[in-house]
Amino acid sequence: MESMTTEQRLAAIVALLSSSALRGTTASKNAALCMHLDTLLRGDEKLDPNLRKTLERALDEWKLTLHFNCCPTRDNLPSRAAVPVLH
């Protein structure tokens, strides 16, 4: 399988961001977005420095979102359940 070009990867990132904004995010969209951002940042040395900084910040924020979404909340637990340990 051929790898995606920078333009194709940026298009996928924009599509995932748009879909998340319009219809909400899912674990799959989050994972795909983080994968595309990470792959683009690791593979393309020719990125404009300002675009690189923006993409790095976006990746950090989406990884944090992905982390928060996988942590259980207290609201969904029955009253007899132990309080989850947040890290």
N, C-alpha and C. Protein backbone atom coordinates (compact mmCIF):
# COMPACT_ATOMS: atom_id res chain seq x y z
N MET A 1 0.84 -1.18 0.00
CA MET A 1 0.00 0.00 0.00
C MET A 1 0.89 1.24 0.00
N GLU A 2 0.56 2.18 -0.85
CA GLU A 2 1.32 3.42 -0.94
C GLU A 2 0.98 4.35 0.22
N SER A 3 1.98 5.06 0.70
CA SER A 3 1.71 6.00 1.79
C SER A 3 1.05 7.26 1.23
N MET A 4 0.37 7.97 2.10
CA MET A 4 -0.34 9.18 1.69
C MET A 4 0.64 10.33 1.51
N THR A 5 0.32 11.22 0.58
CA THR A 5 1.11 12.42 0.41
C THR A 5 0.77 13.40 1.52
N THR A 6 1.58 14.42 1.68
CA THR A 6 1.31 15.45 2.69
C THR A 6 -0.05 16.09 2.44
N GLU A 7 -0.36 16.38 1.19
CA GLU A 7 -1.64 17.01 0.85
C GLU A 7 -2.82 16.10 1.20
N GLN A 8 -2.69 14.81 0.91
CA GLN A 8 -3.75 13.86 1.24
C GLN A 8 -3.92 13.75 2.76
N ARG A 9 -2.82 13.73 3.48
CA ARG A 9 -2.90 13.63 4.94
C ARG A 9 -3.54 14.88 5.53
N LEU A 10 -3.17 16.06 5.02
CA LEU A 10 -3.80 17.31 5.50
C LEU A 10 -5.30 17.31 5.18
N ALA A 11 -5.67 16.79 4.01
CA ALA A 11 -7.09 16.71 3.65
C ALA A 11 -7.83 15.77 4.61
N ALA A 12 -7.22 14.66 4.98
CA ALA A 12 -7.84 13.74 5.94
C ALA A 12 -8.00 14.40 7.30
N ILE A 13 -7.01 15.16 7.72
CA ILE A 13 -7.08 15.87 9.01
C ILE A 13 -8.22 16.87 9.00
N VAL A 14 -8.33 17.66 7.92
CA VAL A 14 -9.41 18.64 7.82
C VAL A 14 -10.76 17.94 7.81
N ALA A 15 -10.88 16.84 7.07
CA ALA A 15 -12.14 16.10 7.02
C ALA A 15 -12.54 15.56 8.40
N LEU A 16 -11.57 15.02 9.14
CA LEU A 16 -11.86 14.51 10.48
C LEU A 16 -12.24 15.63 11.44
N LEU A 17 -11.55 16.76 11.35
CA LEU A 17 -11.90 17.90 12.20
C LEU A 17 -13.29 18.41 11.87
N SER A 18 -13.61 18.52 10.58
CA SER A 18 -14.94 18.99 10.17
C SER A 18 -16.02 18.03 10.63
N SER A 19 -15.79 16.74 10.45
CA SER A 19 -16.77 15.75 10.87
C SER A 19 -16.98 15.79 12.38
N SER A 20 -15.91 15.96 13.13
CA SER A 20 -16.03 16.05 14.58
C SER A 20 -16.80 17.29 14.99
N ALA A 21 -16.55 18.39 14.30
CA ALA A 21 -17.25 19.64 14.63
C ALA A 21 -18.74 19.55 14.29
N LEU A 22 -19.07 18.90 13.18
CA LEU A 22 -20.47 18.84 12.75
C LEU A 22 -21.27 17.77 13.46
N ARG A 23 -20.69 16.59 13.65
CA ARG A 23 -21.44 15.45 14.17
C ARG A 23 -20.92 14.91 15.49
N GLY A 24 -19.91 15.55 16.03
CA GLY A 24 -19.34 15.09 17.29
C GLY A 24 -18.21 14.12 17.06
N THR A 25 -17.37 14.01 18.05
CA THR A 25 -16.21 13.14 17.94
C THR A 25 -16.53 11.74 18.43
N THR A 26 -15.78 10.80 17.96
CA THR A 26 -15.88 9.42 18.43
C THR A 26 -14.46 8.94 18.72
N ALA A 27 -14.35 7.82 19.38
CA ALA A 27 -13.03 7.27 19.67
C ALA A 27 -12.27 6.97 18.38
N SER A 28 -12.98 6.48 17.37
CA SER A 28 -12.32 6.16 16.09
C SER A 28 -11.83 7.42 15.38
N LYS A 29 -12.65 8.47 15.38
CA LYS A 29 -12.22 9.73 14.76
C LYS A 29 -11.01 10.31 15.50
N ASN A 30 -11.08 10.26 16.82
CA ASN A 30 -9.96 10.76 17.64
C ASN A 30 -8.67 10.01 17.31
N ALA A 31 -8.76 8.69 17.28
CA ALA A 31 -7.58 7.87 17.02
C ALA A 31 -7.04 8.13 15.62
N ALA A 32 -7.93 8.22 14.63
CA ALA A 32 -7.49 8.48 13.25
C ALA A 32 -6.85 9.85 13.13
N LEU A 33 -7.44 10.84 13.78
CA LEU A 33 -6.89 12.19 13.74
C LEU A 33 -5.51 12.23 14.36
N CYS A 34 -5.35 11.62 15.53
CA CYS A 34 -4.04 11.59 16.18
C CYS A 34 -3.01 10.86 15.33
N MET A 35 -3.42 9.77 14.69
CA MET A 35 -2.51 9.01 13.84
C MET A 35 -2.05 9.85 12.65
N HIS A 36 -2.99 10.54 11.99
CA HIS A 36 -2.63 11.38 10.85
C HIS A 36 -1.71 12.53 11.27
N LEU A 37 -2.04 13.18 12.37
CA LEU A 37 -1.20 14.29 12.84
C LEU A 37 0.20 13.80 13.19
N ASP A 38 0.27 12.71 13.93
CA ASP A 38 1.56 12.17 14.35
C ASP A 38 2.39 11.74 13.14
N THR A 39 1.78 11.05 12.20
CA THR A 39 2.50 10.59 11.01
C THR A 39 2.99 11.76 10.18
N LEU A 40 2.17 12.77 10.04
CA LEU A 40 2.57 13.95 9.26
C LEU A 40 3.74 14.67 9.93
N LEU A 41 3.68 14.82 11.24
CA LEU A 41 4.75 15.51 11.95
C LEU A 41 6.06 14.73 11.94
N ARG A 42 5.98 13.40 11.99
CA ARG A 42 7.20 12.59 11.98
C ARG A 42 7.79 12.45 10.59
N GLY A 43 6.95 12.55 9.54
CA GLY A 43 7.42 12.21 8.22
C GLY A 43 7.76 13.35 7.29
N ASP A 44 7.27 14.53 7.55
CA ASP A 44 7.47 15.62 6.59
C ASP A 44 8.37 16.69 7.18
N GLU A 45 9.60 16.72 6.74
CA GLU A 45 10.55 17.71 7.24
C GLU A 45 10.36 19.07 6.58
N LYS A 46 9.58 19.12 5.49
CA LYS A 46 9.41 20.36 4.73
C LYS A 46 8.23 21.20 5.20
N LEU A 47 7.60 20.83 6.30
CA LEU A 47 6.46 21.60 6.78
C LEU A 47 6.91 22.99 7.21
N ASP A 48 6.08 23.96 6.92
CA ASP A 48 6.32 25.32 7.39
C ASP A 48 6.39 25.30 8.91
N PRO A 49 7.35 26.02 9.51
CA PRO A 49 7.50 25.98 10.98
C PRO A 49 6.23 26.38 11.73
N ASN A 50 5.49 27.36 11.22
CA ASN A 50 4.25 27.77 11.89
C ASN A 50 3.18 26.69 11.80
N LEU A 51 3.09 26.03 10.64
CA LEU A 51 2.14 24.92 10.49
C LEU A 51 2.54 23.77 11.40
N ARG A 52 3.83 23.49 11.49
CA ARG A 52 4.31 22.42 12.37
C ARG A 52 3.91 22.70 13.82
N LYS A 53 4.12 23.94 14.29
CA LYS A 53 3.75 24.28 15.68
C LYS A 53 2.26 24.12 15.90
N THR A 54 1.47 24.56 14.94
CA THR A 54 0.01 24.45 15.06
C THR A 54 -0.42 22.99 15.11
N LEU A 55 0.16 22.16 14.24
CA LEU A 55 -0.18 20.75 14.22
C LEU A 55 0.28 20.04 15.50
N GLU A 56 1.43 20.43 16.03
CA GLU A 56 1.91 19.84 17.29
C GLU A 56 0.96 20.19 18.44
N ARG A 57 0.50 21.43 18.48
CA ARG A 57 -0.46 21.83 19.53
C ARG A 57 -1.77 21.07 19.37
N ALA A 58 -2.23 20.95 18.12
CA ALA A 58 -3.47 20.22 17.87
C ALA A 58 -3.34 18.76 18.31
N LEU A 59 -2.21 18.14 18.00
CA LEU A 59 -1.99 16.75 18.40
C LEU A 59 -2.00 16.62 19.91
N ASP A 60 -1.34 17.52 20.60
CA ASP A 60 -1.33 17.48 22.07
C ASP A 60 -2.74 17.59 22.63
N GLU A 61 -3.55 18.48 22.07
CA GLU A 61 -4.91 18.67 22.57
C GLU A 61 -5.79 17.47 22.27
N TRP A 62 -5.66 16.90 21.08
CA TRP A 62 -6.48 15.74 20.73
C TRP A 62 -6.06 14.51 21.52
N LYS A 63 -4.77 14.37 21.80
CA LYS A 63 -4.32 13.25 22.65
C LYS A 63 -4.90 13.40 24.05
N LEU A 64 -4.95 14.63 24.54
CA LEU A 64 -5.54 14.88 25.85
C LEU A 64 -7.03 14.57 25.83
N THR A 65 -7.72 14.96 24.78
CA THR A 65 -9.14 14.65 24.63
C THR A 65 -9.36 13.15 24.59
N LEU A 66 -8.52 12.45 23.84
CA LEU A 66 -8.61 11.00 23.76
C LEU A 66 -8.41 10.38 25.14
N HIS A 67 -7.45 10.90 25.90
CA HIS A 67 -7.18 10.40 27.25
C HIS A 67 -8.37 10.64 28.17
N PHE A 68 -8.93 11.85 28.15
CA PHE A 68 -10.06 12.16 29.02
C PHE A 68 -11.28 11.32 28.66
N ASN A 69 -11.48 11.05 27.38
CA ASN A 69 -12.63 10.26 26.96
C ASN A 69 -12.52 8.80 27.37
N CYS A 70 -11.31 8.31 27.60
CA CYS A 70 -11.17 6.90 28.00
C CYS A 70 -11.23 6.73 29.51
N CYS A 71 -11.14 7.81 30.26
CA CYS A 71 -11.22 7.72 31.73
C CYS A 71 -12.68 7.67 32.16
N PRO A 72 -13.01 6.80 33.09
CA PRO A 72 -14.40 6.74 33.56
C PRO A 72 -14.75 7.98 34.37
N THR A 73 -16.00 8.36 34.29
CA THR A 73 -16.47 9.50 35.08
C THR A 73 -17.23 8.97 36.29
N ARG A 74 -17.34 9.79 37.28
CA ARG A 74 -18.06 9.39 38.50
C ARG A 74 -19.55 9.34 38.25
N ASP A 75 -20.06 10.14 37.30
CA ASP A 75 -21.49 10.23 37.06
C ASP A 75 -22.10 8.90 36.61
N ASN A 76 -21.36 8.11 35.88
CA ASN A 76 -21.90 6.87 35.32
C ASN A 76 -21.77 5.69 36.28
N LEU A 77 -21.16 5.88 37.41
CA LEU A 77 -20.94 4.78 38.35
C LEU A 77 -22.08 4.70 39.36
N PRO A 78 -22.47 3.48 39.73
CA PRO A 78 -23.46 3.35 40.79
C PRO A 78 -22.88 3.87 42.10
N SER A 79 -23.74 4.25 43.01
CA SER A 79 -23.29 4.86 44.26
C SER A 79 -22.40 3.92 45.09
N ARG A 80 -22.53 2.63 44.91
CA ARG A 80 -21.73 1.68 45.69
C ARG A 80 -20.37 1.41 45.06
N ALA A 81 -20.11 1.93 43.86
CA ALA A 81 -18.83 1.69 43.16
C ALA A 81 -17.73 2.55 43.77
N ALA A 82 -16.53 2.04 43.67
CA ALA A 82 -15.36 2.80 44.17
C ALA A 82 -15.11 3.99 43.26
N VAL A 83 -14.62 5.06 43.83
CA VAL A 83 -14.28 6.25 43.06
C VAL A 83 -13.07 5.94 42.18
N PRO A 84 -13.13 6.24 40.87
CA PRO A 84 -11.98 5.95 40.00
C PRO A 84 -10.79 6.83 40.35
N VAL A 85 -9.61 6.28 40.16
CA VAL A 85 -8.39 7.04 40.39
C VAL A 85 -8.02 7.73 39.09
N LEU A 86 -7.97 9.04 39.12
CA LEU A 86 -7.62 9.79 37.91
C LEU A 86 -6.13 10.05 37.92
N HIS A 87 -5.52 9.97 36.76
CA HIS A 87 -4.08 10.17 36.65
C HIS A 87 -3.77 11.31 35.75
